[in-house]
Protein backbone atom coordinates (compact mmCIF):
# COMPACT_ATOMS: atom_id res chain seq x y z
CA MET A 1 210.88 162.30 143.53
CA LYS A 2 212.29 158.79 143.69
CA THR A 3 210.98 158.14 147.21
CA ASN A 4 207.39 159.03 146.30
CA LYS A 5 207.43 156.43 143.53
CA TYR A 6 208.92 153.88 145.95
CA VAL A 7 206.16 154.53 148.50
CA GLU A 8 203.48 154.27 145.81
CA ASP A 9 204.96 150.92 144.73
CA LEU A 10 204.85 149.75 148.34
CA LYS A 11 201.20 150.77 148.72
CA ASN A 12 200.28 148.68 145.68
CA LYS A 13 201.84 145.51 147.10
CA SER A 14 200.04 142.90 149.18
CA GLU A 15 200.82 142.32 152.84
CA ALA A 16 202.78 139.15 152.04
CA GLU A 17 204.91 141.02 149.51
CA LEU A 18 205.51 143.79 152.03
CA ALA A 19 206.60 141.27 154.65
CA LYS A 20 209.06 139.73 152.19
CA GLU A 21 210.35 143.18 151.25
CA LEU A 22 210.85 143.97 154.94
CA VAL A 23 212.82 140.76 155.54
CA ASP A 24 215.00 141.47 152.49
CA ALA A 25 215.68 145.03 153.64
CA LYS A 26 216.64 143.86 157.13
CA LYS A 27 219.02 141.28 155.67
CA GLU A 28 220.58 143.97 153.49
CA LEU A 29 220.99 146.25 156.51
CA PHE A 30 222.68 143.44 158.45
CA ASN A 31 225.09 142.82 155.56
CA LEU A 32 225.84 146.54 155.23
CA ARG A 33 226.57 146.81 158.96
CA PHE A 34 228.83 143.77 158.74
CA GLN A 35 230.72 145.28 155.78
CA ASN A 36 231.03 148.57 157.63
CA ALA A 37 232.49 146.86 160.69
CA THR A 38 235.11 145.11 158.56
CA ASN A 39 235.93 148.30 156.61
CA GLN A 40 234.68 146.85 153.31
CA LEU A 41 231.81 149.30 152.81
CA ASP A 42 232.43 152.13 150.35
CA ASN A 43 229.05 153.89 150.41
CA THR A 44 228.14 154.38 154.07
CA ALA A 45 225.11 156.49 153.10
CA ARG A 46 223.46 153.28 151.91
CA ILE A 47 222.94 152.24 155.56
CA LYS A 48 220.85 155.34 156.20
CA GLU A 49 218.88 154.80 152.99
CA VAL A 50 218.06 151.18 153.88
CA ARG A 51 217.02 152.15 157.43
CA ARG A 52 214.61 154.72 156.01
CA ASN A 53 213.25 152.18 153.52
CA ILE A 54 212.59 149.78 156.40
CA ALA A 55 210.67 152.53 158.19
CA ARG A 56 208.68 153.26 155.03
CA ILE A 57 207.78 149.59 154.63
CA GLN A 58 206.70 149.32 158.27
CA THR A 59 204.59 152.47 157.91
CA VAL A 60 202.75 151.07 154.89
CA ILE A 61 202.19 147.76 156.73
CA THR A 62 200.72 149.65 159.69
CA GLU A 63 198.50 151.75 157.42
CA LYS A 64 197.14 148.62 155.76
CA ALA A 65 196.52 146.97 159.14
CA ASN A 66 194.58 149.98 160.44
CA ALA A 67 192.52 150.39 157.27
């Protein structure tokens, strides 16, 4: 259950740390898309994983904002 541990780690972070994590994930997604467009990306499943991580981060941010 790797994702459960990741979500728990996210819930323990502050809002500033979550915002930084979100920016980093979006930069990584941009770079992966760029590599994919230039046929340099070997592991295309990584794009899907990063997109889901972005969604997880945004969900935790929303939960903290509503709490």
